[in-house]
Amino acid sequence: MTAEEVTSRQEQFIRGILGGLTQREAYLKAFGAKPNALKSTIDETASRIANKPEVAARRSEEHTSELQSHSDLVCRLLLEK
């Protein structure tokens, strides 16, 4: 796996965060956890994943892409007036 590649679960985690979930919520949705898992352990693991270089880079790419899409939409709407 190259530095730019993320796993499918990491991708799901990223999309969760970009969709408005907290890191904990995104982690639970993407990876799940044992019923007796401590919230602090989940938070630490979610933070470690979020800070992995390949995950941070992919998250930044997705965020930039979303911003560009929104910018394009605003420009089109303004030009229609």
C-alpha atoms as a PDB file:
ATOM      1  CA  MET A   1       0.000   0.000   0.000  1.00  0.00           C
ATOM      2  CA  THR A   2       1.425   3.410  -0.949  1.00  0.00           C
ATOM      3  CA  ALA A   3       1.263   6.446   1.311  1.00  0.00           C
ATOM      4  CA  GLU A   4      -1.753   7.815  -0.566  1.00  0.00           C
ATOM      5  CA  GLU A   5      -3.834   4.649  -0.274  1.00  0.00           C
ATOM      6  CA  VAL A   6      -6.265   4.098   2.540  1.00  0.00           C
ATOM      7  CA  THR A   7      -8.238   0.989   3.434  1.00  0.00           C
ATOM      8  CA  SER A   8     -11.961   0.798   2.809  1.00  0.00           C
ATOM      9  CA  ARG A   9     -12.587   1.187   6.549  1.00  0.00           C
ATOM     10  CA  GLN A  10     -10.328   4.219   6.706  1.00  0.00           C
ATOM     11  CA  GLU A  11     -12.227   5.667   3.745  1.00  0.00           C
ATOM     12  CA  GLN A  12     -15.516   5.073   5.562  1.00  0.00           C
ATOM     13  CA  PHE A  13     -14.024   6.756   8.650  1.00  0.00           C
ATOM     14  CA  ILE A  14     -12.987   9.786   6.574  1.00  0.00           C
ATOM     15  CA  ARG A  15     -16.393  10.077   4.929  1.00  0.00           C
ATOM     16  CA  GLY A  16     -18.046   9.893   8.330  1.00  0.00           C
ATOM     17  CA  ILE A  17     -15.977  12.786   9.634  1.00  0.00           C
ATOM     18  CA  LEU A  18     -16.579  14.844   6.503  1.00  0.00           C
ATOM     19  CA  GLY A  19     -20.268  14.029   6.857  1.00  0.00           C
ATOM     20  CA  GLY A  20     -20.374  15.622  10.286  1.00  0.00           C
ATOM     21  CA  LEU A  21     -19.698  12.722  12.626  1.00  0.00           C
ATOM     22  CA  THR A  22     -17.268  13.046  15.500  1.00  0.00           C
ATOM     23  CA  GLN A  23     -14.092  10.987  15.278  1.00  0.00           C
ATOM     24  CA  ARG A  24     -15.580   8.585  17.817  1.00  0.00           C
ATOM     25  CA  GLU A  25     -18.819   8.200  15.848  1.00  0.00           C
ATOM     26  CA  ALA A  26     -16.951   7.788  12.567  1.00  0.00           C
ATOM     27  CA  TYR A  27     -14.646   5.206  14.135  1.00  0.00           C
ATOM     28  CA  LEU A  28     -17.540   3.185  15.549  1.00  0.00           C
ATOM     29  CA  LYS A  29     -19.357   3.279  12.221  1.00  0.00           C
ATOM     30  CA  ALA A  30     -16.296   2.233  10.230  1.00  0.00           C
ATOM     31  CA  PHE A  31     -14.555  -0.164  12.606  1.00  0.00           C
ATOM     32  CA  GLY A  32     -17.027  -1.027  15.349  1.00  0.00           C
ATOM     33  CA  ALA A  33     -15.957  -1.793  18.904  1.00  0.00           C
ATOM     34  CA  LYS A  34     -16.527  -4.349  21.609  1.00  0.00           C
ATOM     35  CA  PRO A  35     -19.490  -3.518  23.841  1.00  0.00           C
ATOM     36  CA  ASN A  36     -17.212  -3.098  26.854  1.00  0.00           C
ATOM     37  CA  ALA A  37     -14.688  -0.845  25.076  1.00  0.00           C
ATOM     38  CA  LEU A  38     -13.819   2.297  26.983  1.00  0.00           C
ATOM     39  CA  LYS A  39     -14.722   5.588  25.325  1.00  0.00           C
ATOM     40  CA  SER A  40     -11.206   6.835  26.024  1.00  0.00           C
ATOM     41  CA  THR A  41      -9.726   3.859  24.163  1.00  0.00           C
ATOM     42  CA  ILE A  42     -12.054   4.429  21.207  1.00  0.00           C
ATOM     43  CA  ASP A  43     -11.160   8.136  21.168  1.00  0.00           C
ATOM     44  CA  GLU A  44      -7.421   7.412  21.284  1.00  0.00           C
ATOM     45  CA  THR A  45      -7.672   4.876  18.482  1.00  0.00           C
ATOM     46  CA  ALA A  46      -9.814   7.200  16.357  1.00  0.00           C
ATOM     47  CA  SER A  47      -7.297   9.990  16.883  1.00  0.00           C
ATOM     48  CA  ARG A  48      -4.382   7.747  15.886  1.00  0.00           C
ATOM     49  CA  ILE A  49      -6.193   6.759  12.693  1.00  0.00           C
ATOM     50  CA  ALA A  50      -7.142  10.350  11.877  1.00  0.00           C
ATOM     51  CA  ASN A  51      -3.518  11.422  12.264  1.00  0.00           C
ATOM     52  CA  LYS A  52      -2.032   8.725  10.041  1.00  0.00           C
ATOM     53  CA  PRO A  53      -0.372  10.538   7.110  1.00  0.00           C
ATOM     54  CA  GLU A  54      -2.325   8.668   4.440  1.00  0.00           C
ATOM     55  CA  VAL A  55      -5.652   9.250   6.228  1.00  0.00           C
ATOM     56  CA  ALA A  56      -4.944  12.938   6.860  1.00  0.00           C
ATOM     57  CA  ALA A  57      -3.899  13.407   3.220  1.00  0.00           C
ATOM     58  CA  ARG A  58      -7.014  11.655   1.903  1.00  0.00           C
ATOM     59  CA  ARG A  59      -9.246  13.646   4.257  1.00  0.00           C
ATOM     60  CA  SER A  60      -7.656  16.861   3.004  1.00  0.00           C
ATOM     61  CA  GLU A  61      -8.156  15.802  -0.633  1.00  0.00           C
ATOM     62  CA  GLU A  62     -11.823  15.018  -0.028  1.00  0.00           C
ATOM     63  CA  HIS A  63     -12.373  18.260   1.870  1.00  0.00           C
ATOM     64  CA  THR A  64     -10.734  20.283  -0.912  1.00  0.00           C
ATOM     65  CA  SER A  65     -12.842  18.497  -3.500  1.00  0.00           C
ATOM     66  CA  GLU A  66     -16.032  19.261  -1.560  1.00  0.00           C
ATOM     67  CA  LEU A  67     -15.058  22.925  -1.234  1.00  0.00           C
ATOM     68  CA  GLN A  68     -14.403  23.139  -4.970  1.00  0.00           C
ATOM     69  CA  SER A  69     -17.776  21.558  -5.734  1.00  0.00           C
ATOM     70  CA  HIS A  70     -19.538  24.055  -3.481  1.00  0.00           C
ATOM     71  CA  SER A  71     -17.609  26.922  -5.031  1.00  0.00           C
ATOM     72  CA  ASP A  72     -18.551  25.763  -8.524  1.00  0.00           C
ATOM     73  CA  LEU A  73     -22.211  25.560  -7.524  1.00  0.00           C
ATOM     74  CA  VAL A  74     -22.194  29.067  -6.064  1.00  0.00           C
ATOM     75  CA  CYS A  75     -20.570  30.443  -9.222  1.00  0.00           C
ATOM     76  CA  ARG A  76     -23.156  28.746 -11.443  1.00  0.00           C
ATOM     77  CA  LEU A  77     -26.018  30.086  -9.334  1.00  0.00           C
ATOM     78  CA  LEU A  78     -24.611  33.606  -9.400  1.00  0.00           C
ATOM     79  CA  LEU A  79     -24.150  33.470 -13.161  1.00  0.00           C
ATOM     80  CA  GLU A  80     -27.781  32.373 -13.643  1.00  0.00           C
ATOM     81  CA  LYS A  81     -29.064  35.618 -12.101  1.00  0.00           C
END
